[in-house]
C-alpha atoms as a PDB file:
ATOM      1  CA  MET A   1       0.000   0.000   0.000  1.00  0.00           C
ATOM      2  CA  GLY A   2       1.306   3.478  -0.874  1.00  0.00           C
ATOM      3  CA  LEU A   3       1.596   6.328   1.596  1.00  0.00           C
ATOM      4  CA  LEU A   4      -1.379   8.266   0.229  1.00  0.00           C
ATOM      5  CA  ALA A   5      -3.568   5.147   0.267  1.00  0.00           C
ATOM      6  CA  TRP A   6      -2.548   4.490   3.874  1.00  0.00           C
ATOM      7  CA  LEU A   7      -3.325   8.057   4.883  1.00  0.00           C
ATOM      8  CA  LYS A   8      -6.748   7.853   3.260  1.00  0.00           C
ATOM      9  CA  SER A   9      -7.543   4.678   5.210  1.00  0.00           C
ATOM     10  CA  ALA A  10      -6.248   6.277   8.425  1.00  0.00           C
ATOM     11  CA  VAL A  11      -8.843   9.059   8.144  1.00  0.00           C
ATOM     12  CA  GLY A  12     -11.555   6.511   8.993  1.00  0.00           C
ATOM     13  CA  ALA A  13     -14.707   5.329   7.308  1.00  0.00           C
ATOM     14  CA  GLY A  14     -16.870   7.822   9.191  1.00  0.00           C
ATOM     15  CA  SER A  15     -14.888  10.860   8.113  1.00  0.00           C
ATOM     16  CA  ALA A  16     -14.984  12.761   4.890  1.00  0.00           C
ATOM     17  CA  GLU A  17     -12.048  11.960   2.623  1.00  0.00           C
ATOM     18  CA  PRO A  18      -9.522  14.811   2.480  1.00  0.00           C
ATOM     19  CA  ALA A  19      -9.429  16.623  -0.812  1.00  0.00           C
ATOM     20  CA  LEU A  20      -6.433  16.110  -3.052  1.00  0.00           C
ATOM     21  CA  SER A  21      -4.708  19.274  -4.162  1.00  0.00           C
ATOM     22  CA  VAL A  22      -3.176  19.133  -7.611  1.00  0.00           C
ATOM     23  CA  PRO A  23      -0.287  21.596  -7.912  1.00  0.00           C
ATOM     24  CA  VAL A  24       0.376  20.404 -11.468  1.00  0.00           C
ATOM     25  CA  PRO A  25      -2.776  19.259 -13.330  1.00  0.00           C
ATOM     26  CA  GLY A  26      -0.798  16.866 -15.518  1.00  0.00           C
ATOM     27  CA  TYR A  27       2.002  17.052 -18.033  1.00  0.00           C
ATOM     28  CA  TYR A  28       3.879  14.883 -20.527  1.00  0.00           C
ATOM     29  CA  LEU A  29       7.479  13.725 -20.812  1.00  0.00           C
ATOM     30  CA  ALA A  30       9.534  12.178 -23.594  1.00  0.00           C
ATOM     31  CA  ALA A  31      11.466   8.941 -23.103  1.00  0.00           C
ATOM     32  CA  ASN A  32      14.505  10.962 -21.975  1.00  0.00           C
ATOM     33  CA  GLN A  33      12.320  12.752 -19.368  1.00  0.00           C
ATOM     34  CA  SER A  34      12.351  16.048 -21.305  1.00  0.00           C
ATOM     35  CA  PRO A  35       9.019  17.968 -21.372  1.00  0.00           C
ATOM     36  CA  CYS A  36       6.475  17.413 -24.164  1.00  0.00           C
ATOM     37  CA  PRO A  37       3.784  20.055 -24.809  1.00  0.00           C
ATOM     38  CA  THR A  38       1.134  17.427 -25.728  1.00  0.00           C
ATOM     39  CA  ALA A  39       0.598  13.673 -25.647  1.00  0.00           C
ATOM     40  CA  ALA A  40       1.832  13.399 -29.236  1.00  0.00           C
ATOM     41  CA  GLY A  41       5.286  11.831 -29.139  1.00  0.00           C
ATOM     42  CA  ALA A  42       5.263  11.565 -25.326  1.00  0.00           C
ATOM     43  CA  ALA A  43       6.421   8.466 -23.470  1.00  0.00           C
ATOM     44  CA  TYR A  44       4.928   9.315 -20.070  1.00  0.00           C
ATOM     45  CA  ARG A  45       2.028  11.222 -18.514  1.00  0.00           C
ATOM     46  CA  ILE A  46       2.695  12.703 -15.071  1.00  0.00           C
ATOM     47  CA  GLU A  47       0.215  13.551 -12.316  1.00  0.00           C
ATOM     48  CA  GLU A  48       1.136  15.213  -9.022  1.00  0.00           C
ATOM     49  CA  HIS A  49      -0.976  15.384  -5.845  1.00  0.00           C
ATOM     50  CA  GLN A  50      -0.569  16.251  -2.182  1.00  0.00           C
ATOM     51  CA  LEU A  51      -2.452  14.947   0.871  1.00  0.00           C
ATOM     52  CA  LEU A  52      -1.719  15.552   4.572  1.00  0.00           C
ATOM     53  CA  GLY A  53       1.854  16.544   3.888  1.00  0.00           C
ATOM     54  CA  ILE A  54       2.598  13.650   1.522  1.00  0.00           C
ATOM     55  CA  ALA A  55       3.517  14.651  -2.039  1.00  0.00           C
ATOM     56  CA  GLU A  56       2.734  12.061  -4.700  1.00  0.00           C
ATOM     57  CA  ARG A  57       4.009  11.832  -8.283  1.00  0.00           C
ATOM     58  CA  ARG A  58       2.396   9.283 -10.627  1.00  0.00           C
ATOM     59  CA  GLN A  59       4.042   8.256 -13.882  1.00  0.00           C
ATOM     60  CA  TYR A  60       1.885   6.602 -16.566  1.00  0.00           C
ATOM     61  CA  ASN A  61       3.501   4.676 -19.417  1.00  0.00           C
ATOM     62  CA  LEU A  62       2.177   5.610 -22.879  1.00  0.00           C
ATOM     63  CA  LEU A  63       4.486   3.401 -24.952  1.00  0.00           C
ATOM     64  CA  ASP A  64       3.634  -0.230 -24.241  1.00  0.00           C
ATOM     65  CA  GLY A  65       0.033  -0.680 -25.393  1.00  0.00           C
ATOM     66  CA  PRO A  66      -2.806   1.046 -23.489  1.00  0.00           C
ATOM     67  CA  GLU A  67      -1.744   3.621 -20.882  1.00  0.00           C
ATOM     68  CA  TRP A  68      -0.811   2.095 -17.515  1.00  0.00           C
ATOM     69  CA  LEU A  69       0.476   3.301 -14.146  1.00  0.00           C
ATOM     70  CA  GLU A  70       4.199   2.492 -14.117  1.00  0.00           C
ATOM     71  CA  GLU A  71       5.624   4.249 -11.068  1.00  0.00           C
ATOM     72  CA  VAL A  72       4.537   6.225  -7.992  1.00  0.00           C
ATOM     73  CA  LEU A  73       6.888   8.395  -5.915  1.00  0.00           C
ATOM     74  CA  GLU A  74       5.696   9.583  -2.487  1.00  0.00           C
ATOM     75  CA  THR A  75       7.656  11.877  -0.171  1.00  0.00           C
ATOM     76  CA  GLY A  76       6.918  13.638   3.098  1.00  0.00           C
ATOM     77  CA  GLN A  77       7.160  13.190   6.884  1.00  0.00           C
ATOM     78  CA  ASP A  78       5.560  10.782   9.343  1.00  0.00           C
ATOM     79  CA  ALA A  79       3.821  11.735  12.614  1.00  0.00           C
ATOM     80  CA  ALA A  80       7.206  11.911  14.352  1.00  0.00           C
ATOM     81  CA  SER A  81       8.530  14.269  11.656  1.00  0.00           C
ATOM     82  CA  GLN A  82      10.779  11.518  10.304  1.00  0.00           C
ATOM     83  CA  PRO A  83      11.428  11.795   6.555  1.00  0.00           C
ATOM     84  CA  LEU A  84       9.425   9.370   4.436  1.00  0.00           C
ATOM     85  CA  HIS A  85      10.335   8.327   0.900  1.00  0.00           C
ATOM     86  CA  CYS A  86       8.420   5.604  -0.937  1.00  0.00           C
ATOM     87  CA  ARG A  87       8.908   4.561  -4.560  1.00  0.00           C
ATOM     88  CA  THR A  88       6.619   1.920  -6.062  1.00  0.00           C
ATOM     89  CA  TRP A  89       6.752   0.267  -9.483  1.00  0.00           C
ATOM     90  CA  TYR A  90       3.836  -1.601 -11.066  1.00  0.00           C
ATOM     91  CA  TYR A  91       3.160  -4.307 -13.612  1.00  0.00           C
ATOM     92  CA  PRO A  92       0.991  -3.143 -16.550  1.00  0.00           C
ATOM     93  CA  TRP A  93      -2.129  -4.786 -15.041  1.00  0.00           C
ATOM     94  CA  GLY A  94      -1.832  -2.833 -11.769  1.00  0.00           C
ATOM     95  CA  GLN A  95      -0.034  -5.276  -9.457  1.00  0.00           C
ATOM     96  CA  ILE A  96       2.957  -3.913  -7.500  1.00  0.00           C
ATOM     97  CA  SER A  97       6.253  -5.227  -8.884  1.00  0.00           C
ATOM     98  CA  LYS A  98       8.750  -3.479  -6.590  1.00  0.00           C
ATOM     99  CA  GLN A  99       8.743  -1.038  -3.674  1.00  0.00           C
ATOM    100  CA  VAL A 100      11.462   0.859  -1.839  1.00  0.00           C
ATOM    101  CA  LEU A 101      10.449   2.563   1.438  1.00  0.00           C
ATOM    102  CA  ARG A 102      12.745   4.692   3.588  1.00  0.00           C
ATOM    103  CA  CYS A 103      11.462   5.959   6.936  1.00  0.00           C
ATOM    104  CA  GLY A 104      14.015   7.629   9.161  1.00  0.00           C
ATOM    105  CA  GLY A 105      16.897   5.183   9.488  1.00  0.00           C
ATOM    106  CA  THR A 106      14.917   2.150   8.228  1.00  0.00           C
ATOM    107  CA  LEU A 107      15.089   1.027   4.599  1.00  0.00           C
ATOM    108  CA  SER A 108      12.740  -1.640   3.221  1.00  0.00           C
ATOM    109  CA  TYR A 109      13.035  -3.182  -0.231  1.00  0.00           C
ATOM    110  CA  ARG A 110      10.467  -5.616  -1.662  1.00  0.00           C
ATOM    111  CA  THR A 111       9.825  -7.237  -5.030  1.00  0.00           C
ATOM    112  CA  TYR A 112       6.741  -9.235  -5.992  1.00  0.00           C
ATOM    113  CA  PHE A 113       5.777 -11.960  -8.402  1.00  0.00           C
ATOM    114  CA  GLU A 114       3.282 -10.986 -11.085  1.00  0.00           C
ATOM    115  CA  ASN A 115       0.372 -12.435  -9.062  1.00  0.00           C
ATOM    116  CA  GLY A 116       1.216 -10.344  -5.977  1.00  0.00           C
ATOM    117  CA  ASP A 117       3.082 -12.956  -3.919  1.00  0.00           C
ATOM    118  CA  LEU A 118       6.214 -11.704  -2.192  1.00  0.00           C
ATOM    119  CA  LYS A 119       9.389 -12.574  -4.114  1.00  0.00           C
ATOM    120  CA  LEU A 120      12.169 -10.801  -2.214  1.00  0.00           C
ATOM    121  CA  SER A 121      12.199  -8.715   0.972  1.00  0.00           C
ATOM    122  CA  LYS A 122      15.126  -6.890   2.541  1.00  0.00           C
ATOM    123  CA  ARG A 123      15.135  -4.641   5.577  1.00  0.00           C
ATOM    124  CA  ALA A 124      18.026  -2.549   6.881  1.00  0.00           C
ATOM    125  CA  GLU A 125      18.342  -0.581  10.109  1.00  0.00           C
ATOM    126  CA  ALA A 126      20.979   2.148  10.257  1.00  0.00           C
ATOM    127  CA  GLY A 127      22.700   0.653   7.207  1.00  0.00           C
ATOM    128  CA  ARG A 128      22.774  -2.911   8.623  1.00  0.00           C
ATOM    129  CA  LEU A 129      20.796  -5.723   6.970  1.00  0.00           C
ATOM    130  CA  THR A 130      18.380  -7.134   9.562  1.00  0.00           C
ATOM    131  CA  GLU A 131      15.960  -9.203   7.456  1.00  0.00           C
ATOM    132  CA  ARG A 132      16.011 -11.037   4.125  1.00  0.00           C
ATOM    133  CA  PHE A 133      13.498 -13.324   2.403  1.00  0.00           C
ATOM    134  CA  ALA A 134      13.686 -14.695  -1.150  1.00  0.00           C
ATOM    135  CA  TYR A 135      11.767 -17.166  -3.308  1.00  0.00           C
ATOM    136  CA  ALA A 136      12.503 -17.925  -6.975  1.00  0.00           C
ATOM    137  CA  PRO A 137      10.395 -20.410  -8.981  1.00  0.00           C
ATOM    138  CA  GLU A 138      11.655 -21.808 -12.271  1.00  0.00           C
ATOM    139  CA  ARG A 139      10.600 -20.259 -15.573  1.00  0.00           C
ATOM    140  CA  GLY A 140       8.548 -21.834 -18.349  1.00  0.00           C
ATOM    141  CA  SER A 141       7.195 -21.041 -21.799  1.00  0.00           C
ATOM    142  CA  THR A 142       3.732 -20.733 -23.362  1.00  0.00           C
ATOM    143  CA  TYR A 143       0.987 -22.674 -21.557  1.00  0.00           C
ATOM    144  CA  LEU A 144      -2.415 -23.913 -22.679  1.00  0.00           C
ATOM    145  CA  TYR A 145      -3.771 -24.395 -19.146  1.00  0.00           C
ATOM    146  CA  VAL A 146      -2.554 -22.673 -15.977  1.00  0.00           C
ATOM    147  CA  GLU A 147      -3.590 -22.410 -12.341  1.00  0.00           C
ATOM    148  CA  LYS A 148      -5.266 -19.082 -13.048  1.00  0.00           C
ATOM    149  CA  MET A 149      -6.251 -18.385 -16.643  1.00  0.00           C
ATOM    150  CA  PRO A 150      -6.005 -14.897 -18.178  1.00  0.00           C
ATOM    151  CA  GLN A 151      -8.933 -12.586 -17.574  1.00  0.00           C
ATOM    152  CA  TYR A 152     -10.488 -10.535 -20.382  1.00  0.00           C
ATOM    153  CA  PRO A 153     -11.687  -7.087 -19.196  1.00  0.00           C
ATOM    154  CA  GLY A 154     -15.032  -7.652 -20.916  1.00  0.00           C
ATOM    155  CA  GLY A 155     -15.868 -10.948 -19.206  1.00  0.00           C
ATOM    156  CA  ASP A 156     -15.152 -14.685 -19.326  1.00  0.00           C
ATOM    157  CA  LEU A 157     -14.108 -16.858 -22.291  1.00  0.00           C
ATOM    158  CA  LYS A 158     -17.721 -17.088 -23.446  1.00  0.00           C
ATOM    159  CA  GLN A 159     -17.816 -13.293 -23.647  1.00  0.00           C
ATOM    160  CA  VAL A 160     -14.505 -13.310 -25.568  1.00  0.00           C
ATOM    161  CA  ILE A 161     -15.996 -15.614 -28.214  1.00  0.00           C
ATOM    162  CA  GLN A 162     -19.192 -13.537 -28.403  1.00  0.00           C
ATOM    163  CA  THR A 163     -17.182 -10.327 -28.835  1.00  0.00           C
ATOM    164  CA  ILE A 164     -15.140 -11.879 -31.643  1.00  0.00           C
ATOM    165  CA  GLN A 165     -18.237 -13.323 -33.330  1.00  0.00           C
ATOM    166  CA  LYS A 166     -19.948  -9.911 -33.171  1.00  0.00           C
ATOM    167  CA  ALA A 167     -16.890  -8.182 -34.659  1.00  0.00           C
ATOM    168  CA  PHE A 168     -16.771 -10.653 -37.569  1.00  0.00           C
ATOM    169  CA  LYS A 169     -18.175  -9.152 -40.793  1.00  0.00           C
ATOM    170  CA  TYR A 170     -18.854 -11.596 -43.601  1.00  0.00           C
ATOM    171  CA  PRO A 171     -16.533 -10.770 -46.525  1.00  0.00           C
ATOM    172  CA  ALA A 172     -18.269  -9.902 -49.810  1.00  0.00           C
ATOM    173  CA  GLN A 173     -16.094 -12.396 -51.707  1.00  0.00           C
ATOM    174  CA  ALA A 174     -17.069 -15.176 -49.318  1.00  0.00           C
ATOM    175  CA  LEU A 175     -20.755 -14.311 -49.806  1.00  0.00           C
ATOM    176  CA  ARG A 176     -20.393 -14.427 -53.596  1.00  0.00           C
ATOM    177  CA  ASN A 177     -18.601 -17.782 -53.408  1.00  0.00           C
ATOM    178  CA  LYS A 178     -21.031 -19.096 -50.743  1.00  0.00           C
ATOM    179  CA  GLU A 179     -18.142 -19.981 -48.445  1.00  0.00           C
ATOM    180  CA  GLU A 180     -19.102 -21.330 -45.005  1.00  0.00           C
ATOM    181  CA  GLY A 181     -17.394 -23.291 -42.260  1.00  0.00           C
ATOM    182  CA  ARG A 182     -15.921 -23.298 -38.781  1.00  0.00           C
ATOM    183  CA  LEU A 183     -12.888 -21.054 -38.495  1.00  0.00           C
ATOM    184  CA  ILE A 184     -10.473 -21.473 -35.559  1.00  0.00           C
ATOM    185  CA  VAL A 185      -8.099 -18.626 -34.722  1.00  0.00           C
ATOM    186  CA  GLY A 186      -5.288 -18.862 -32.189  1.00  0.00           C
ATOM    187  CA  PHE A 187      -3.593 -16.146 -30.172  1.00  0.00           C
ATOM    188  CA  VAL A 188      -1.356 -15.698 -27.141  1.00  0.00           C
ATOM    189  CA  VAL A 189      -1.965 -13.588 -24.028  1.00  0.00           C
ATOM    190  CA  THR A 190       1.495 -12.446 -22.945  1.00  0.00           C
ATOM    191  CA  ARG A 191       2.942 -12.048 -19.449  1.00  0.00           C
ATOM    192  CA  THR A 192       2.024  -8.356 -19.633  1.00  0.00           C
ATOM    193  CA  GLY A 193      -1.577  -8.982 -20.712  1.00  0.00           C
ATOM    194  CA  LEU A 194      -1.260  -8.129 -24.404  1.00  0.00           C
ATOM    195  CA  VAL A 195      -2.834 -10.231 -27.180  1.00  0.00           C
ATOM    196  CA  THR A 196      -0.217 -11.274 -29.747  1.00  0.00           C
ATOM    197  CA  ASN A 197       0.619 -14.008 -32.292  1.00  0.00           C
ATOM    198  CA  ILE A 198      -2.837 -14.044 -33.894  1.00  0.00           C
ATOM    199  CA  ARG A 199      -2.863 -16.916 -36.381  1.00  0.00           C
ATOM    200  CA  ILE A 200      -5.147 -19.313 -38.254  1.00  0.00           C
ATOM    201  CA  VAL A 201      -5.448 -22.779 -36.699  1.00  0.00           C
ATOM    202  CA  GLN A 202      -8.244 -24.097 -38.939  1.00  0.00           C
ATOM    203  CA  SER A 203      -8.882 -22.332 -42.262  1.00  0.00           C
ATOM    204  CA  VAL A 204     -12.110 -21.795 -44.211  1.00  0.00           C
ATOM    205  CA  SER A 205     -11.007 -19.569 -47.105  1.00  0.00           C
ATOM    206  CA  PRO A 206      -8.489 -16.742 -47.605  1.00  0.00           C
ATOM    207  CA  SER A 207     -11.097 -13.958 -47.271  1.00  0.00           C
ATOM    208  CA  ILE A 208     -12.766 -15.503 -44.217  1.00  0.00           C
ATOM    209  CA  ASP A 209      -9.391 -16.246 -42.622  1.00  0.00           C
ATOM    210  CA  GLU A 210      -8.335 -12.618 -43.016  1.00  0.00           C
ATOM    211  CA  GLU A 211     -11.589 -11.315 -41.551  1.00  0.00           C
ATOM    212  CA  GLY A 212     -11.351 -13.773 -38.677  1.00  0.00           C
ATOM    213  CA  MET A 213      -7.907 -12.504 -37.716  1.00  0.00           C
ATOM    214  CA  ARG A 214      -9.200  -8.932 -37.882  1.00  0.00           C
ATOM    215  CA  ALA A 215     -12.122  -9.846 -35.612  1.00  0.00           C
ATOM    216  CA  VAL A 216      -9.791 -11.461 -33.070  1.00  0.00           C
ATOM    217  CA  ALA A 217      -7.629  -8.336 -33.153  1.00  0.00           C
ATOM    218  CA  SER A 218     -10.651  -6.439 -31.756  1.00  0.00           C
ATOM    219  CA  ILE A 219     -10.012  -8.013 -28.328  1.00  0.00           C
ATOM    220  CA  SER A 220      -6.387  -6.848 -28.372  1.00  0.00           C
ATOM    221  CA  THR A 221      -7.300  -3.190 -27.805  1.00  0.00           C
ATOM    222  CA  GLN A 222      -7.668  -3.818 -24.054  1.00  0.00           C
ATOM    223  CA  ARG A 223      -5.027  -5.195 -21.735  1.00  0.00           C
ATOM    224  CA  TRP A 224      -5.909  -8.534 -20.154  1.00  0.00           C
ATOM    225  CA  LYS A 225      -4.912  -9.681 -16.693  1.00  0.00           C
ATOM    226  CA  PRO A 226      -2.356 -12.397 -17.520  1.00  0.00           C
ATOM    227  CA  GLY A 227      -2.474 -16.048 -16.536  1.00  0.00           C
ATOM    228  CA  PHE A 228      -0.515 -17.267 -13.502  1.00  0.00           C
ATOM    229  CA  GLN A 229       1.425 -20.441 -12.812  1.00  0.00           C
ATOM    230  CA  ASN A 230       3.617 -21.021  -9.745  1.00  0.00           C
ATOM    231  CA  HIS A 231       3.355 -17.426  -8.468  1.00  0.00           C
ATOM    232  CA  ARG A 232       4.264 -15.763 -11.782  1.00  0.00           C
ATOM    233  CA  ALA A 233       2.611 -14.449 -14.925  1.00  0.00           C
ATOM    234  CA  VAL A 234       3.072 -16.684 -17.968  1.00  0.00           C
ATOM    235  CA  GLU A 235       2.149 -16.713 -21.642  1.00  0.00           C
ATOM    236  CA  VAL A 236      -1.088 -18.573 -22.340  1.00  0.00           C
ATOM    237  CA  GLY A 237      -2.222 -19.754 -25.757  1.00  0.00           C
ATOM    238  CA  TYR A 238      -5.870 -19.756 -26.866  1.00  0.00           C
ATOM    239  CA  SER A 239      -7.787 -21.189 -29.822  1.00  0.00           C
ATOM    240  CA  VAL A 240     -11.269 -19.755 -30.397  1.00  0.00           C
ATOM    241  CA  PRO A 241     -13.913 -20.868 -32.922  1.00  0.00           C
ATOM    242  CA  ILE A 242     -15.784 -18.513 -35.243  1.00  0.00           C
ATOM    243  CA  THR A 243     -18.948 -19.802 -36.897  1.00  0.00           C
ATOM    244  CA  CYS A 244     -19.011 -18.635 -40.512  1.00  0.00           C
ATOM    245  CA  LYS A 245     -22.518 -19.176 -41.858  1.00  0.00           C
ATOM    246  CA  MET A 246     -24.410 -17.030 -44.337  1.00  0.00           C
ATOM    247  CA  GLN A 247     -27.763 -15.739 -43.129  1.00  0.00           C
END
C-alpha cells in the first residue's frame, strides 16, 4: 500500500475523505524525461498530488500498449517528523512489482511476483541488513492451461468468443462464393496482458481467414490480466472458434 492510500484509510470510514490538491494538473514527458507540450510523441504522462503533507508523483507509461500506471513516488514526513520516501513500481495490469520505502533510518526493499506474492524482501536498520526473504520459482514457456487463466476485461471466455463473433463481418467475396465453415483462430496472451501471435489454426477460405484474424484483433485493444502459474505471470495460448454461416 502506498503512503497516500494508507493516509486515506487512516482518516476513517466515518470521516470525509480529504481533498487532493493538484499543484500540477498533468504534463507529458519524452522517453529521456524532457518535457512534451502534448501527448503526441510523449512516453509518459505525469500527475502530481498532495495529501496531509505527503507529495505524490504518478508516472503513466504511454508506450507499451494502453496507458498504464508504471511508477509512484511519495515523499513527506511521518507523525514523528521523520522523513518518508516511498517509490513503487507496477506491472501493466496494476499489481505492484517493486517497492522501496525509507522511513528515518529504516530502509525496506520488496519485489513481488506478477500475481502479488512476495518474491524478495530486505530490511536494513541504520545501514545494517536485519531481514532477508527470497523465493525464486523456475521459468517456463507458453501454456495452454494454468492455475489461473487470463482474464479478459469484458468478461469470461464465453464473452470473448461472443465479442469476436460480433466483430466478424462476412466478406463480400465469401458471400459471392457461398463460403461457409468453422474457423479457428489462435492467439497468445502475454505475461504483460497483451494479445499477440494471432494466427489461423483451422482455415475456411483466404477472405474468411483474413476477416477472422481482424475480428480477433478487436479483443487486443484492451489489456488482459495475464495467466498465472507457480506465483508468476506466464504466456497462455488460446484457440477460439468462429462460426461462418451465411444468413
